[in-house]
Amino acid sequence: MSRKKLKNRRRKDRAQRKILIAAVYIAAVIIGVGIGGHVIKKNAGKTMTTAETESKKAVSKKKATAKKLTINENETDASNKENQGQKDQADDRSEFAVQPGRKVGTTEQSDEKVVYLTLDDGPSKNTQAVLDILDKYNAKATFFVTCSGSLDKYAKKIIEKGHTLGLHTCTHRYKDMIKKAYDKGHTIGMHTYSHDYAKVYASVDAYFQDLDQIGQLVKEEIGYVPCFIRFPGGSSNTISASYTKGIMTTLTQEVQARGYQYYDWNGSSGDGAVRTTEQLVNQATSFHDNNIILLSHDSETKDTTVEALPKIIEYYQSQGYVFKALDLNSYVAHHGVNN
C-alpha cells in the first residue's frame, strides 16, 4: 500500500474513533439523565407521600386534640355545674332558720377533733382582720352578733338616755360584715341587741323582745332569723338574778321550745378580761376535748384577740383539729344554770 493511502486510512480510523467516543459519551449522558430523572421522580414521590402522611397525621392529631378539648370542656362544664350546685347548696343555709319545736344539736361530743371557734359582740372594726385570718387557715367560725357593739355616737346617746333603739334606727357601722362573714361560709348566731343586762334580763318578755330585735337585724342581712343564740353572760350567769329571780331557768327551757338552741362554751381564750396576746394564746390552747366550743370576742377593743388568733389556730391544727362553724348537728355545750 502506498504511503498516501496509508495516511488516509489512519485519518479515517481516527475520525471513526472520535465518532464512537462521542456516541458512547452521548449514550452515557442520556442514560445518566434517565436514571437521575427516575431517582428525582421517585424521591419526589416519596416526598409527596411523606408530606401527605405528615398532613394526614397533623389532621388526625388536630382532630384528636379537638376531641380531647371537647371532652375536657364537657368535663369542665360538668365539674363547674357540680361545683356551682355545691356552692349554691352551701350558700343556701335557710335550714338554719329558727323553727319552733325543732331540736337543734347534740350534747354528745363526736369522735372527730373539732374546734368551734365562736366570736361574741361583733361585728366591729376587727371583723375584717378576723375574716382574713380565717381565710388564710381555711378555718370556719361562728359569730354571735350584737347591735350595740359598734353604734355611732348619736345611737349611743339614745341608749345612754334609757331609750330603746328600733331596728331601723340602729346605725351599726359594721352590720354589712354580718353578710360578708355569712357569705364566706361562717355561721351567724345571735347574742343580744343591746347587751344591757338590766334591760335584757328585766323579764322573760324583755329578753325575747331583745332577741327579736337582733333577729330582725340579722334577717335583713342574711334573709332569715337563725336558731343559734348565746345568752349575755352565758346560761350560768348570776347577774340576771339582780333583775329577775329564776329567769335563766325559764329562758333555757323556753328558747329551746321556740326552736332556738343556746350555746355556752367549754373553752375560752380569756379575752373577756384585759390580757396580753401571749396570755390569750396560752389559755386558748389549754383544752383537750374532742369538740371544743371556744369563746372569744370580736369587739372593737379586742386587738389582742386578732393578734392571738393565728397562733391559736396553728396550734389546734397541728394537733389534728379542724375549725368548723356550728350547724344543726354540732356539739352543744350547756353550763349549769345558776339562776
C-alpha atoms as a PDB file:
ATOM      1  CA  MET A   1       0.000   0.000   0.000  1.00  0.00           C
ATOM      2  CA  SER A   2       1.266   3.381  -0.890  1.00  0.00           C
ATOM      3  CA  ARG A   3       2.232   5.915   1.772  1.00  0.00           C
ATOM      4  CA  LYS A   4      -0.558   8.203   0.750  1.00  0.00           C
ATOM      5  CA  LYS A   5      -3.255   5.561   1.112  1.00  0.00           C
ATOM      6  CA  LEU A   6      -1.890   4.530   4.484  1.00  0.00           C
ATOM      7  CA  LYS A   7      -2.070   8.084   5.709  1.00  0.00           C
ATOM      8  CA  ASN A   8      -5.684   8.440   4.577  1.00  0.00           C
ATOM      9  CA  ARG A   9      -6.600   5.196   6.260  1.00  0.00           C
ATOM     10  CA  ARG A  10      -5.207   6.342   9.580  1.00  0.00           C
ATOM     11  CA  ARG A  11      -7.046   9.639   9.320  1.00  0.00           C
ATOM     12  CA  LYS A  12     -10.318   7.778   8.668  1.00  0.00           C
ATOM     13  CA  ASP A  13      -9.757   5.454  11.684  1.00  0.00           C
ATOM     14  CA  ARG A  14      -9.166   8.420  13.955  1.00  0.00           C
ATOM     15  CA  ALA A  15     -12.378  10.040  12.794  1.00  0.00           C
ATOM     16  CA  GLN A  16     -14.334   6.849  13.395  1.00  0.00           C
ATOM     17  CA  ARG A  17     -12.890   6.521  16.898  1.00  0.00           C
ATOM     18  CA  LYS A  18     -13.913  10.112  17.650  1.00  0.00           C
ATOM     19  CA  ILE A  19     -17.429   9.399  16.432  1.00  0.00           C
ATOM     20  CA  LEU A  20     -17.576   6.219  18.543  1.00  0.00           C
ATOM     21  CA  ILE A  21     -16.319   8.031  21.669  1.00  0.00           C
ATOM     22  CA  ALA A  22     -18.839  10.808  21.090  1.00  0.00           C
ATOM     23  CA  ALA A  23     -21.627   8.289  20.685  1.00  0.00           C
ATOM     24  CA  VAL A  24     -20.615   6.478  23.879  1.00  0.00           C
ATOM     25  CA  TYR A  25     -20.475   9.814  25.742  1.00  0.00           C
ATOM     26  CA  ILE A  26     -23.868  10.860  24.444  1.00  0.00           C
ATOM     27  CA  ALA A  27     -25.347   7.483  25.374  1.00  0.00           C
ATOM     28  CA  ALA A  28     -23.857   7.743  28.848  1.00  0.00           C
ATOM     29  CA  VAL A  29     -25.344  11.219  29.288  1.00  0.00           C
ATOM     30  CA  ILE A  30     -28.757  10.041  28.128  1.00  0.00           C
ATOM     31  CA  ILE A  31     -28.664   7.043  30.475  1.00  0.00           C
ATOM     32  CA  GLY A  32     -27.498   9.250  33.362  1.00  0.00           C
ATOM     33  CA  VAL A  33     -30.282  11.725  32.755  1.00  0.00           C
ATOM     34  CA  GLY A  34     -32.821   8.925  32.637  1.00  0.00           C
ATOM     35  CA  ILE A  35     -31.619   7.398  35.881  1.00  0.00           C
ATOM     36  CA  GLY A  36     -31.430  10.811  37.508  1.00  0.00           C
ATOM     37  CA  GLY A  37     -34.951  11.643  36.411  1.00  0.00           C
ATOM     38  CA  HIS A  38     -36.211   8.360  37.751  1.00  0.00           C
ATOM     39  CA  VAL A  39     -34.497   8.990  41.103  1.00  0.00           C
ATOM     40  CA  ILE A  40     -35.856  12.515  41.231  1.00  0.00           C
ATOM     41  CA  LYS A  41     -39.305  11.291  40.335  1.00  0.00           C
ATOM     42  CA  LYS A  42     -39.037   8.516  42.923  1.00  0.00           C
ATOM     43  CA  ASN A  43     -37.772  10.899  45.557  1.00  0.00           C
ATOM     44  CA  ALA A  44     -40.457  13.375  44.619  1.00  0.00           C
ATOM     45  CA  GLY A  45     -42.979  10.603  45.045  1.00  0.00           C
ATOM     46  CA  LYS A  46     -41.515   9.771  48.387  1.00  0.00           C
ATOM     47  CA  THR A  47     -41.553  13.445  49.379  1.00  0.00           C
ATOM     48  CA  MET A  48     -45.156  13.774  48.318  1.00  0.00           C
ATOM     49  CA  THR A  49     -46.035  10.560  50.149  1.00  0.00           C
ATOM     50  CA  THR A  50     -44.225  11.830  53.270  1.00  0.00           C
ATOM     51  CA  ALA A  51     -45.937  15.214  53.032  1.00  0.00           C
ATOM     52  CA  GLU A  52     -49.295  13.564  52.566  1.00  0.00           C
ATOM     53  CA  THR A  53     -48.594  11.266  55.524  1.00  0.00           C
ATOM     54  CA  GLU A  54     -47.493  14.156  57.709  1.00  0.00           C
ATOM     55  CA  SER A  55     -50.531  16.142  56.604  1.00  0.00           C
ATOM     56  CA  LYS A  56     -52.803  13.234  57.440  1.00  0.00           C
ATOM     57  CA  LYS A  57     -51.064  12.840  60.800  1.00  0.00           C
ATOM     58  CA  ALA A  58     -51.469  16.554  61.511  1.00  0.00           C
ATOM     59  CA  VAL A  59     -55.153  16.418  60.623  1.00  0.00           C
ATOM     60  CA  SER A  60     -55.616  13.315  62.760  1.00  0.00           C
ATOM     61  CA  LYS A  61     -53.739  14.914  65.631  1.00  0.00           C
ATOM     62  CA  LYS A  62     -55.780  18.086  65.276  1.00  0.00           C
ATOM     63  CA  LYS A  63     -58.999  16.078  65.354  1.00  0.00           C
ATOM     64  CA  ALA A  64     -57.805  14.153  68.418  1.00  0.00           C
ATOM     65  CA  THR A  65     -56.840  17.392  70.154  1.00  0.00           C
ATOM     66  CA  ALA A  66     -60.178  18.949  69.282  1.00  0.00           C
ATOM     67  CA  LYS A  67     -61.963  15.849  70.598  1.00  0.00           C
ATOM     68  CA  LYS A  68     -59.903  15.948  73.766  1.00  0.00           C
ATOM     69  CA  LEU A  69     -60.625  19.643  74.234  1.00  0.00           C
ATOM     70  CA  THR A  70     -64.314  18.969  73.712  1.00  0.00           C
ATOM     71  CA  ILE A  71     -64.214  16.197  76.311  1.00  0.00           C
ATOM     72  CA  ASN A  72     -62.274  18.419  78.705  1.00  0.00           C
ATOM     73  CA  GLU A  73     -64.677  21.274  78.121  1.00  0.00           C
ATOM     74  CA  ASN A  74     -67.623  18.995  78.768  1.00  0.00           C
ATOM     75  CA  GLU A  75     -65.957  17.637  81.889  1.00  0.00           C
ATOM     76  CA  THR A  76     -65.131  21.188  82.996  1.00  0.00           C
ATOM     77  CA  ASP A  77     -68.687  22.296  82.353  1.00  0.00           C
ATOM     78  CA  ALA A  78     -69.985  19.320  84.298  1.00  0.00           C
ATOM     79  CA  SER A  79     -67.498  20.000  87.093  1.00  0.00           C
ATOM     80  CA  ASN A  80     -68.406  23.678  87.140  1.00  0.00           C
ATOM     81  CA  LYS A  81     -72.067  22.809  87.271  1.00  0.00           C
ATOM     82  CA  GLU A  82     -71.414  20.353  90.093  1.00  0.00           C
ATOM     83  CA  ASN A  83     -69.274  22.871  91.970  1.00  0.00           C
ATOM     84  CA  GLN A  84     -71.844  25.571  91.373  1.00  0.00           C
ATOM     85  CA  GLY A  85     -74.510  23.224  92.676  1.00  0.00           C
ATOM     86  CA  GLN A  86     -72.438  22.540  95.766  1.00  0.00           C
ATOM     87  CA  LYS A  87     -71.776  26.255  96.188  1.00  0.00           C
ATOM     88  CA  ASP A  88     -75.459  27.060  95.819  1.00  0.00           C
ATOM     89  CA  GLN A  89     -76.270  24.346  98.311  1.00  0.00           C
ATOM     90  CA  ALA A  90     -73.599  25.641 100.712  1.00  0.00           C
ATOM     91  CA  ASP A  91     -74.860  29.197 100.341  1.00  0.00           C
ATOM     92  CA  ASP A  92     -78.443  28.142 100.984  1.00  0.00           C
ATOM     93  CA  ARG A  93     -78.467  27.695 104.762  1.00  0.00           C
ATOM     94  CA  SER A  94     -82.068  28.640 105.273  1.00  0.00           C
ATOM     95  CA  GLU A  95     -82.482  25.394 107.226  1.00  0.00           C
ATOM     96  CA  PHE A  96     -80.629  27.249 109.996  1.00  0.00           C
ATOM     97  CA  ALA A  97     -83.710  29.435 110.449  1.00  0.00           C
ATOM     98  CA  VAL A  98     -85.483  29.123 113.783  1.00  0.00           C
ATOM     99  CA  GLN A  99     -88.294  26.558 113.742  1.00  0.00           C
ATOM    100  CA  PRO A 100     -90.482  26.199 116.855  1.00  0.00           C
ATOM    101  CA  GLY A 101     -90.363  22.754 118.417  1.00  0.00           C
ATOM    102  CA  ARG A 102     -87.300  21.547 116.480  1.00  0.00           C
ATOM    103  CA  LYS A 103     -84.391  20.023 118.381  1.00  0.00           C
ATOM    104  CA  VAL A 104     -81.051  21.505 117.379  1.00  0.00           C
ATOM    105  CA  GLY A 105     -77.637  19.987 118.061  1.00  0.00           C
ATOM    106  CA  THR A 106     -76.444  17.313 120.453  1.00  0.00           C
ATOM    107  CA  THR A 107     -74.891  17.393 123.909  1.00  0.00           C
ATOM    108  CA  GLU A 108     -72.787  14.317 123.000  1.00  0.00           C
ATOM    109  CA  GLN A 109     -69.325  15.003 121.615  1.00  0.00           C
ATOM    110  CA  SER A 110     -68.290  13.321 118.380  1.00  0.00           C
ATOM    111  CA  ASP A 111     -65.053  11.385 117.836  1.00  0.00           C
ATOM    112  CA  GLU A 112     -63.864  13.997 115.351  1.00  0.00           C
ATOM    113  CA  LYS A 113     -61.441  16.566 116.699  1.00  0.00           C
ATOM    114  CA  VAL A 114     -63.206  19.881 116.084  1.00  0.00           C
ATOM    115  CA  VAL A 115     -62.778  23.414 117.352  1.00  0.00           C
ATOM    116  CA  TYR A 116     -65.927  25.518 117.097  1.00  0.00           C
ATOM    117  CA  LEU A 117     -64.445  28.996 117.351  1.00  0.00           C
ATOM    118  CA  THR A 118     -67.146  31.430 118.487  1.00  0.00           C
ATOM    119  CA  LEU A 119     -66.804  35.199 118.473  1.00  0.00           C
ATOM    120  CA  ASP A 120     -69.161  37.385 120.521  1.00  0.00           C
ATOM    121  CA  ASP A 121     -70.011  41.101 120.447  1.00  0.00           C
ATOM    122  CA  GLY A 122     -69.230  41.860 116.809  1.00  0.00           C
ATOM    123  CA  PRO A 123     -69.171  42.888 114.134  1.00  0.00           C
ATOM    124  CA  SER A 124     -66.581  45.620 114.629  1.00  0.00           C
ATOM    125  CA  LYS A 125     -63.524  47.198 113.081  1.00  0.00           C
ATOM    126  CA  ASN A 126     -61.695  43.941 113.864  1.00  0.00           C
ATOM    127  CA  THR A 127     -64.064  41.668 111.953  1.00  0.00           C
ATOM    128  CA  GLN A 128     -62.346  42.045 108.578  1.00  0.00           C
ATOM    129  CA  ALA A 129     -58.990  41.118 110.101  1.00  0.00           C
ATOM    130  CA  VAL A 130     -60.588  38.069 111.735  1.00  0.00           C
ATOM    131  CA  LEU A 131     -62.116  37.006 108.402  1.00  0.00           C
ATOM    132  CA  ASP A 132     -58.763  37.383 106.662  1.00  0.00           C
ATOM    133  CA  ILE A 133     -57.095  35.141 109.252  1.00  0.00           C
ATOM    134  CA  LEU A 134     -59.829  32.521 108.963  1.00  0.00           C
ATOM    135  CA  ASP A 135     -59.431  32.555 105.160  1.00  0.00           C
ATOM    136  CA  LYS A 136     -55.674  32.099 105.453  1.00  0.00           C
ATOM    137  CA  TYR A 137     -56.056  28.969 107.587  1.00  0.00           C
ATOM    138  CA  ASN A 138     -59.152  27.620 105.824  1.00  0.00           C
ATOM    139  CA  ALA A 139     -60.990  27.807 109.139  1.00  0.00           C
ATOM    140  CA  LYS A 140     -64.674  28.419 109.813  1.00  0.00           C
ATOM    141  CA  ALA A 141     -66.195  30.120 112.845  1.00  0.00           C
ATOM    142  CA  THR A 142     -69.483  31.268 114.366  1.00  0.00           C
ATOM    143  CA  PHE A 143     -70.236  34.932 115.014  1.00  0.00           C
ATOM    144  CA  PHE A 144     -72.721  35.677 117.816  1.00  0.00           C
ATOM    145  CA  VAL A 145     -73.546  39.236 116.834  1.00  0.00           C
ATOM    146  CA  THR A 146     -74.933  42.283 118.606  1.00  0.00           C
ATOM    147  CA  CYS A 147     -76.251  45.650 117.527  1.00  0.00           C
ATOM    148  CA  SER A 148     -74.729  47.784 120.253  1.00  0.00           C
ATOM    149  CA  GLY A 149     -71.099  46.846 119.705  1.00  0.00           C
ATOM    150  CA  SER A 150     -70.365  49.425 117.011  1.00  0.00           C
ATOM    151  CA  LEU A 151     -73.003  52.109 117.189  1.00  0.00           C
ATOM    152  CA  ASP A 152     -72.251  55.657 116.177  1.00  0.00           C
ATOM    153  CA  LYS A 153     -72.224  58.451 118.781  1.00  0.00           C
ATOM    154  CA  TYR A 154     -75.815  59.508 118.081  1.00  0.00           C
ATOM    155  CA  ALA A 155     -77.145  55.989 118.644  1.00  0.00           C
ATOM    156  CA  LYS A 156     -75.106  55.539 121.812  1.00  0.00           C
ATOM    157  CA  LYS A 157     -76.560  58.731 123.275  1.00  0.00           C
ATOM    158  CA  ILE A 158     -80.073  57.396 122.676  1.00  0.00           C
ATOM    159  CA  ILE A 159     -79.228  54.223 124.610  1.00  0.00           C
ATOM    160  CA  GLU A 160     -77.470  56.135 127.384  1.00  0.00           C
ATOM    161  CA  LYS A 161     -80.630  58.164 127.952  1.00  0.00           C
ATOM    162  CA  GLY A 162     -82.579  54.974 128.535  1.00  0.00           C
ATOM    163  CA  HIS A 163     -84.349  54.743 125.171  1.00  0.00           C
ATOM    164  CA  THR A 164     -84.608  51.601 123.066  1.00  0.00           C
ATOM    165  CA  LEU A 165     -83.359  51.679 119.501  1.00  0.00           C
ATOM    166  CA  GLY A 166     -85.742  50.318 116.891  1.00  0.00           C
ATOM    167  CA  LEU A 167     -84.468  48.180 114.054  1.00  0.00           C
ATOM    168  CA  HIS A 168     -84.248  50.987 111.524  1.00  0.00           C
ATOM    169  CA  THR A 169     -82.649  53.444 113.949  1.00  0.00           C
ATOM    170  CA  CYS A 170     -79.821  51.021 114.673  1.00  0.00           C
ATOM    171  CA  THR A 171     -76.941  52.744 112.938  1.00  0.00           C
ATOM    172  CA  HIS A 172     -74.470  49.901 113.252  1.00  0.00           C
ATOM    173  CA  ARG A 173     -71.303  50.923 111.437  1.00  0.00           C
ATOM    174  CA  TYR A 174     -70.257  47.379 110.554  1.00  0.00           C
ATOM    175  CA  LYS A 175     -73.507  45.475 110.137  1.00  0.00           C
ATOM    176  CA  ASP A 176     -72.653  44.714 106.489  1.00  0.00           C
ATOM    177  CA  MET A 177     -69.890  42.486 107.879  1.00  0.00           C
ATOM    178  CA  ILE A 178     -72.611  40.082 109.049  1.00  0.00           C
ATOM    179  CA  LYS A 179     -73.457  39.301 105.423  1.00  0.00           C
ATOM    180  CA  LYS A 180     -69.788  39.203 104.468  1.00  0.00           C
ATOM    181  CA  ALA A 181     -69.000  36.641 107.171  1.00  0.00           C
ATOM    182  CA  TYR A 182     -72.064  34.614 106.183  1.00  0.00           C
ATOM    183  CA  ASP A 183     -71.082  34.603 102.502  1.00  0.00           C
ATOM    184  CA  LYS A 184     -67.676  33.205 103.446  1.00  0.00           C
ATOM    185  CA  GLY A 185     -69.359  30.172 104.985  1.00  0.00           C
ATOM    186  CA  HIS A 186     -69.301  31.185 108.627  1.00  0.00           C
ATOM    187  CA  THR A 187     -72.356  30.712 110.829  1.00  0.00           C
ATOM    188  CA  ILE A 188     -74.235  33.726 112.158  1.00  0.00           C
ATOM    189  CA  GLY A 189     -75.748  33.414 115.608  1.00  0.00           C
ATOM    190  CA  MET A 190     -77.444  35.984 117.835  1.00  0.00           C
ATOM    191  CA  HIS A 191     -76.024  37.304 121.101  1.00  0.00           C
ATOM    192  CA  THR A 192     -78.073  40.330 122.077  1.00  0.00           C
ATOM    193  CA  TYR A 193     -79.375  43.550 120.585  1.00  0.00           C
ATOM    194  CA  SER A 194     -78.447  45.947 123.394  1.00  0.00           C
ATOM    195  CA  HIS A 195     -76.095  43.891 125.599  1.00  0.00           C
ATOM    196  CA  ASP A 196     -77.613  45.784 128.507  1.00  0.00           C
ATOM    197  CA  TYR A 197     -78.115  43.222 131.295  1.00  0.00           C
ATOM    198  CA  ALA A 198     -80.657  45.375 133.108  1.00  0.00           C
ATOM    199  CA  LYS A 199     -82.863  45.507 130.013  1.00  0.00           C
ATOM    200  CA  VAL A 200     -82.238  42.035 128.682  1.00  0.00           C
ATOM    201  CA  TYR A 201     -82.988  40.313 131.986  1.00  0.00           C
ATOM    202  CA  ALA A 202     -85.723  42.659 133.218  1.00  0.00           C
ATOM    203  CA  SER A 203     -88.253  39.934 132.399  1.00  0.00           C
ATOM    204  CA  VAL A 204     -88.832  36.956 130.120  1.00  0.00           C
ATOM    205  CA  ASP A 205     -90.725  39.214 127.727  1.00  0.00           C
ATOM    206  CA  ALA A 206     -87.904  41.759 127.789  1.00  0.00           C
ATOM    207  CA  TYR A 207     -85.408  39.054 126.861  1.00  0.00           C
ATOM    208  CA  PHE A 208     -87.445  37.894 123.866  1.00  0.00           C
ATOM    209  CA  GLN A 209     -88.024  41.479 122.755  1.00  0.00           C
ATOM    210  CA  ASP A 210     -84.253  41.985 122.675  1.00  0.00           C
ATOM    211  CA  LEU A 211     -83.776  38.652 120.889  1.00  0.00           C
ATOM    212  CA  ASP A 212     -86.390  39.553 118.299  1.00  0.00           C
ATOM    213  CA  GLN A 213     -84.691  42.872 117.609  1.00  0.00           C
ATOM    214  CA  ILE A 214     -81.298  41.312 116.906  1.00  0.00           C
ATOM    215  CA  GLY A 215     -83.066  38.571 114.964  1.00  0.00           C
ATOM    216  CA  GLN A 216     -84.689  41.073 112.624  1.00  0.00           C
ATOM    217  CA  LEU A 217     -81.383  42.878 112.125  1.00  0.00           C
ATOM    218  CA  VAL A 218     -79.689  39.618 111.155  1.00  0.00           C
ATOM    219  CA  LYS A 219     -82.597  38.711 108.888  1.00  0.00           C
ATOM    220  CA  GLU A 220     -82.074  41.938 106.953  1.00  0.00           C
ATOM    221  CA  GLU A 221     -78.525  40.792 106.244  1.00  0.00           C
ATOM    222  CA  ILE A 222     -78.822  37.033 105.567  1.00  0.00           C
ATOM    223  CA  GLY A 223     -82.527  36.552 104.846  1.00  0.00           C
ATOM    224  CA  TYR A 224     -83.674  34.628 107.922  1.00  0.00           C
ATOM    225  CA  VAL A 225     -83.585  34.576 111.728  1.00  0.00           C
ATOM    226  CA  PRO A 226     -81.047  31.930 112.801  1.00  0.00           C
ATOM    227  CA  CYS A 227     -81.686  29.401 115.547  1.00  0.00           C
ATOM    228  CA  PHE A 228     -78.242  29.751 117.165  1.00  0.00           C
ATOM    229  CA  ILE A 229     -78.074  32.017 120.214  1.00  0.00           C
ATOM    230  CA  ARG A 230     -75.789  32.815 123.142  1.00  0.00           C
ATOM    231  CA  PHE A 231     -77.096  34.392 126.325  1.00  0.00           C
ATOM    232  CA  PRO A 232     -75.340  37.548 127.517  1.00  0.00           C
ATOM    233  CA  GLY A 233     -73.071  36.223 130.249  1.00  0.00           C
ATOM    234  CA  GLY A 234     -73.875  32.620 129.283  1.00  0.00           C
ATOM    235  CA  SER A 235     -76.619  30.443 130.745  1.00  0.00           C
ATOM    236  CA  SER A 236     -74.688  30.127 134.004  1.00  0.00           C
ATOM    237  CA  ASN A 237     -74.605  33.874 134.673  1.00  0.00           C
ATOM    238  CA  THR A 238     -75.669  35.134 138.084  1.00  0.00           C
ATOM    239  CA  ILE A 239     -76.004  38.802 137.169  1.00  0.00           C
ATOM    240  CA  SER A 240     -79.504  38.110 135.841  1.00  0.00           C
ATOM    241  CA  ALA A 241     -80.615  37.325 139.401  1.00  0.00           C
ATOM    242  CA  SER A 242     -80.108  41.008 140.223  1.00  0.00           C
ATOM    243  CA  TYR A 243     -83.006  41.807 137.872  1.00  0.00           C
ATOM    244  CA  THR A 244     -85.280  38.740 137.794  1.00  0.00           C
ATOM    245  CA  LYS A 245     -85.035  35.725 140.100  1.00  0.00           C
ATOM    246  CA  GLY A 246     -85.059  32.391 138.278  1.00  0.00           C
ATOM    247  CA  ILE A 247     -85.122  33.928 134.805  1.00  0.00           C
ATOM    248  CA  MET A 248     -82.333  31.734 133.390  1.00  0.00           C
ATOM    249  CA  THR A 249     -84.117  28.560 134.433  1.00  0.00           C
ATOM    250  CA  THR A 250     -87.139  29.731 132.462  1.00  0.00           C
ATOM    251  CA  LEU A 251     -85.222  31.074 129.459  1.00  0.00           C
ATOM    252  CA  THR A 252     -83.061  27.984 128.903  1.00  0.00           C
ATOM    253  CA  GLN A 253     -86.227  25.916 128.546  1.00  0.00           C
ATOM    254  CA  GLU A 254     -88.298  28.467 126.653  1.00  0.00           C
ATOM    255  CA  VAL A 255     -85.748  29.286 123.929  1.00  0.00           C
ATOM    256  CA  GLN A 256     -85.464  25.601 123.004  1.00  0.00           C
ATOM    257  CA  ALA A 257     -89.259  25.217 122.952  1.00  0.00           C
ATOM    258  CA  ARG A 258     -89.354  28.099 120.462  1.00  0.00           C
ATOM    259  CA  GLY A 259     -86.822  26.410 118.159  1.00  0.00           C
ATOM    260  CA  TYR A 260     -83.613  28.151 119.281  1.00  0.00           C
ATOM    261  CA  GLN A 261     -80.548  26.472 120.710  1.00  0.00           C
ATOM    262  CA  TYR A 262     -78.260  28.242 123.155  1.00  0.00           C
ATOM    263  CA  TYR A 263     -74.513  27.676 123.165  1.00  0.00           C
ATOM    264  CA  ASP A 264     -72.243  28.106 126.133  1.00  0.00           C
ATOM    265  CA  TRP A 265     -68.590  27.068 125.881  1.00  0.00           C
ATOM    266  CA  ASN A 266     -66.121  24.501 127.207  1.00  0.00           C
ATOM    267  CA  GLY A 267     -63.059  26.553 126.326  1.00  0.00           C
ATOM    268  CA  SER A 268     -62.230  30.252 126.495  1.00  0.00           C
ATOM    269  CA  SER A 269     -59.373  32.449 125.348  1.00  0.00           C
ATOM    270  CA  GLY A 270     -59.957  34.625 128.399  1.00  0.00           C
ATOM    271  CA  ASP A 271     -60.296  37.755 126.285  1.00  0.00           C
ATOM    272  CA  GLY A 272     -63.355  38.854 128.266  1.00  0.00           C
ATOM    273  CA  ALA A 273     -60.768  40.434 130.553  1.00  0.00           C
ATOM    274  CA  VAL A 274     -57.717  42.504 129.687  1.00  0.00           C
ATOM    275  CA  ARG A 275     -54.998  40.031 128.702  1.00  0.00           C
ATOM    276  CA  THR A 276     -51.802  40.079 126.680  1.00  0.00           C
ATOM    277  CA  THR A 277     -51.602  38.233 123.385  1.00  0.00           C
ATOM    278  CA  GLU A 278     -49.382  35.577 124.947  1.00  0.00           C
ATOM    279  CA  GLN A 279     -51.816  35.031 127.818  1.00  0.00           C
ATOM    280  CA  LEU A 280     -54.680  34.588 125.378  1.00  0.00           C
ATOM    281  CA  VAL A 281     -52.742  32.024 123.351  1.00  0.00           C
ATOM    282  CA  ASN A 282     -51.702  30.089 126.448  1.00  0.00           C
ATOM    283  CA  GLN A 283     -55.225  29.872 127.816  1.00  0.00           C
ATOM    284  CA  ALA A 284     -56.959  29.215 124.493  1.00  0.00           C
ATOM    285  CA  THR A 285     -54.647  26.299 123.677  1.00  0.00           C
ATOM    286  CA  SER A 286     -55.043  24.528 127.038  1.00  0.00           C
ATOM    287  CA  PHE A 287     -58.149  22.461 126.170  1.00  0.00           C
ATOM    288  CA  HIS A 288     -58.252  18.839 125.079  1.00  0.00           C
ATOM    289  CA  ASP A 289     -61.869  17.813 124.440  1.00  0.00           C
ATOM    290  CA  ASN A 290     -62.655  16.259 121.062  1.00  0.00           C
ATOM    291  CA  ASN A 291     -65.210  19.013 120.476  1.00  0.00           C
ATOM    292  CA  ILE A 292     -64.154  22.412 121.791  1.00  0.00           C
ATOM    293  CA  ILE A 293     -66.526  25.375 121.705  1.00  0.00           C
ATOM    294  CA  LEU A 294     -64.015  28.161 122.163  1.00  0.00           C
ATOM    295  CA  LEU A 295     -65.215  31.529 123.439  1.00  0.00           C
ATOM    296  CA  SER A 296     -63.576  34.664 122.030  1.00  0.00           C
ATOM    297  CA  HIS A 297     -64.729  38.190 121.261  1.00  0.00           C
ATOM    298  CA  ASP A 298     -64.939  40.317 118.135  1.00  0.00           C
ATOM    299  CA  SER A 299     -65.475  43.759 119.664  1.00  0.00           C
ATOM    300  CA  GLU A 300     -63.536  46.917 118.880  1.00  0.00           C
ATOM    301  CA  THR A 301     -61.277  46.670 121.926  1.00  0.00           C
ATOM    302  CA  LYS A 302     -60.070  43.126 121.232  1.00  0.00           C
ATOM    303  CA  ASP A 303     -56.990  43.807 119.126  1.00  0.00           C
ATOM    304  CA  THR A 304     -55.041  41.235 121.142  1.00  0.00           C
ATOM    305  CA  THR A 305     -57.593  38.584 120.110  1.00  0.00           C
ATOM    306  CA  VAL A 306     -56.777  39.296 116.457  1.00  0.00           C
ATOM    307  CA  GLU A 307     -53.067  39.025 117.258  1.00  0.00           C
ATOM    308  CA  ALA A 308     -53.508  35.733 119.136  1.00  0.00           C
ATOM    309  CA  LEU A 309     -55.835  34.046 116.664  1.00  0.00           C
ATOM    310  CA  PRO A 310     -53.220  32.767 114.149  1.00  0.00           C
ATOM    311  CA  LYS A 311     -51.213  31.006 116.871  1.00  0.00           C
ATOM    312  CA  ILE A 312     -54.371  29.521 118.371  1.00  0.00           C
ATOM    313  CA  ILE A 313     -55.459  28.115 115.012  1.00  0.00           C
ATOM    314  CA  GLU A 314     -51.965  26.845 114.174  1.00  0.00           C
ATOM    315  CA  TYR A 315     -51.719  25.026 117.494  1.00  0.00           C
ATOM    316  CA  TYR A 316     -55.003  23.169 117.183  1.00  0.00           C
ATOM    317  CA  GLN A 317     -54.451  22.324 113.517  1.00  0.00           C
ATOM    318  CA  SER A 318     -51.052  20.870 114.443  1.00  0.00           C
ATOM    319  CA  GLN A 319     -52.895  18.660 116.936  1.00  0.00           C
ATOM    320  CA  GLY A 320     -55.222  17.320 114.257  1.00  0.00           C
ATOM    321  CA  TYR A 321     -58.230  19.562 114.901  1.00  0.00           C
ATOM    322  CA  VAL A 322     -60.343  21.190 112.208  1.00  0.00           C
ATOM    323  CA  PHE A 323     -62.145  24.506 112.653  1.00  0.00           C
ATOM    324  CA  LYS A 324     -65.840  24.308 111.825  1.00  0.00           C
ATOM    325  CA  ALA A 325     -68.832  26.592 112.085  1.00  0.00           C
ATOM    326  CA  LEU A 326     -71.790  25.479 114.187  1.00  0.00           C
ATOM    327  CA  ASP A 327     -74.610  23.748 112.335  1.00  0.00           C
ATOM    328  CA  LEU A 328     -77.770  21.828 113.192  1.00  0.00           C
ATOM    329  CA  ASN A 329     -75.826  18.702 114.204  1.00  0.00           C
ATOM    330  CA  SER A 330     -72.917  20.271 116.089  1.00  0.00           C
ATOM    331  CA  TYR A 331     -71.987  19.605 119.678  1.00  0.00           C
ATOM    332  CA  VAL A 332     -73.795  21.878 122.152  1.00  0.00           C
ATOM    333  CA  ALA A 333     -72.122  22.923 125.424  1.00  0.00           C
ATOM    334  CA  HIS A 334     -74.533  23.822 128.236  1.00  0.00           C
ATOM    335  CA  HIS A 335     -73.429  25.198 131.580  1.00  0.00           C
ATOM    336  CA  GLY A 336     -75.170  24.564 134.824  1.00  0.00           C
ATOM    337  CA  VAL A 337     -77.888  27.148 135.402  1.00  0.00           C
ATOM    338  CA  ASN A 338     -77.308  29.297 138.487  1.00  0.00           C
ATOM    339  CA  ASN A 339     -80.469  31.411 138.398  1.00  0.00           C
END
